Protein backbone atom coordinates (compact mmCIF):
# COMPACT_ATOMS: atom_id res chain seq x y z
CA MET A 1 3.02 11.90 11.77
CA MET A 2 3.03 12.02 7.99
CA LEU A 3 2.68 15.81 7.93
CA LEU A 4 5.47 16.14 10.48
CA LEU A 5 7.76 13.94 8.40
CA ALA A 6 6.90 15.77 5.19
CA GLY A 7 7.36 19.14 6.88
CA GLN A 8 10.85 18.13 7.96
CA GLY A 9 11.81 17.14 4.42
CA HIS A 10 11.22 13.39 4.74
CA LEU A 11 8.76 13.09 1.87
CA VAL A 12 9.59 9.48 1.08
CA ALA A 13 9.07 8.44 4.70
CA ALA A 14 5.73 10.27 4.72
CA LEU A 15 4.70 8.47 1.52
CA LEU A 16 5.81 5.03 2.69
CA LEU A 17 3.61 4.98 5.79
CA PRO A 18 0.22 4.98 3.96
CA LEU A 19 1.53 3.37 0.76
CA TYR A 20 -0.62 0.22 0.89
CA TYR A 21 -3.83 2.23 1.32
CA LEU A 22 -2.85 4.78 -1.33
CA ALA A 23 -2.01 2.04 -3.82
CA ASP A 24 -5.20 0.08 -3.11
CA ALA A 25 -7.41 3.16 -3.47
CA THR A 26 -5.59 4.49 -6.55
CA VAL A 27 -5.58 1.19 -8.45
CA THR A 28 -9.20 0.49 -7.52
CA LEU A 29 -10.33 3.96 -8.60
CA GLY A 30 -8.33 3.73 -11.84
CA ARG A 31 -9.74 0.31 -12.64
CA ARG A 32 -13.30 1.53 -12.00
CA LEU A 33 -12.76 4.61 -14.18
CA VAL A 34 -11.41 2.49 -17.04
CA GLN A 35 -14.43 0.19 -16.76
CA ARG A 36 -16.69 3.26 -16.76
CA GLU A 37 -18.25 2.36 -13.42
CA ALA A 38 -20.00 4.96 -11.31
CA ILE A 39 -17.21 5.65 -8.83
CA TRP A 40 -19.59 7.24 -6.31
CA GLU A 41 -21.58 4.02 -5.91
CA ALA A 42 -20.80 1.32 -3.36
CA HIS A 43 -18.64 -1.55 -4.57
CA ARG A 44 -16.58 -4.52 -3.41
CA THR A 45 -13.51 -4.15 -5.59
CA HIS A 46 -10.80 -3.06 -3.18
CA PHE A 47 -8.04 -5.62 -2.92
CA TYR A 48 -8.88 -6.72 0.62
CA GLN A 49 -12.47 -7.31 -0.51
CA LEU A 50 -11.26 -9.30 -3.51
CA ALA A 51 -9.09 -11.32 -1.14
CA THR A 52 -12.09 -12.30 1.00
CA ASP A 53 -14.04 -13.22 -2.12
CA ARG A 54 -11.09 -15.34 -3.29
CA GLY A 55 -10.58 -17.46 -0.21
CA PHE A 56 -8.64 -15.45 2.38
CA THR A 57 -10.06 -15.13 5.87
CA VAL A 58 -10.30 -11.72 7.49
CA SER A 59 -7.55 -12.73 9.92
CA GLU A 60 -5.23 -13.74 7.08
CA ILE A 61 -5.79 -10.40 5.36
CA VAL A 62 -5.32 -8.33 8.52
CA ILE A 63 -2.11 -10.15 9.44
CA ARG A 64 -0.65 -9.66 5.96
CA VAL A 65 -1.53 -5.95 5.87
CA PHE A 66 -0.16 -5.50 9.41
CA VAL A 67 3.15 -7.16 8.53
CA LEU A 68 3.38 -5.04 5.39
CA ASN A 69 2.71 -1.88 7.39
CA VAL A 70 5.45 -2.80 9.88
CA ALA A 71 7.85 -3.28 6.96
CA LEU A 72 6.79 0.06 5.44
CA ALA A 73 7.28 1.78 8.81
CA ALA A 74 10.77 0.28 9.06
CA LEU A 75 11.59 1.54 5.56
CA ALA A 76 10.21 4.97 6.46
CA LEU A 77 12.44 5.02 9.54
CA VAL A 78 15.50 4.13 7.46
CA SER A 79 14.61 6.84 4.96
CA ALA A 80 14.16 9.45 7.71
CA ILE A 81 17.35 8.50 9.55
CA GLU A 82 19.58 8.40 6.48
CA PRO A 83 19.07 11.59 4.42
CA ASP A 84 20.40 10.35 1.10
CA ALA A 85 18.59 10.35 -2.25
CA ARG A 86 19.83 6.82 -2.98
CA VAL A 87 18.41 5.57 0.30
CA ASP A 88 15.12 7.32 -0.46
CA ALA A 89 14.98 5.72 -3.91
CA ALA A 90 15.83 2.28 -2.56
CA THR A 91 13.33 2.39 0.31
CA LEU A 92 10.56 3.69 -1.94
CA ALA A 93 11.31 1.04 -4.58
CA LEU A 94 11.36 -1.76 -2.00
CA GLY A 95 8.19 -0.47 -0.33
CA SER A 96 6.43 -0.21 -3.68
CA ALA A 97 7.51 -3.74 -4.61
CA LEU A 98 6.21 -5.12 -1.30
CA VAL A 99 2.87 -3.36 -1.75
CA ALA A 100 2.54 -4.55 -5.36
CA TRP A 101 3.36 -8.10 -4.25
CA LEU A 102 0.63 -8.11 -1.58
CA LEU A 103 -1.93 -6.55 -3.94
CA LEU A 104 -1.12 -9.26 -6.48
CA ILE A 105 -1.54 -11.98 -3.85
CA PHE A 106 -4.91 -10.55 -2.87
CA ALA A 107 -6.01 -10.25 -6.51
CA ARG A 108 -5.04 -13.83 -7.32
CA GLY A 109 -6.59 -15.31 -4.20
CA LYS A 110 -5.68 -18.51 -2.43
CA ARG A 111 -4.51 -21.41 -4.51
């Protein structure tokens, strides 16, 4: 699906669909590189793992990620339907903000 979208010129839509997973992996890898950890070794520092360590249940995490993915899919659909650079910028900005918000919630844990 992502390759099809990208091949048809809908790069933002193709990026929005896996955005949560790309952000989680990229931030986690970057953080491990900065801390000079062996990135090839097993770890528990992805955001969903931090969330479980900080009080979220698996169900709470899965529901939040699912809702986020539905929102990202809706934004991708808007971006694909409306071929306008302003729409692309707005959908990518909103999608990025939603992903950052969920990652921050997972990093902080339950209060």
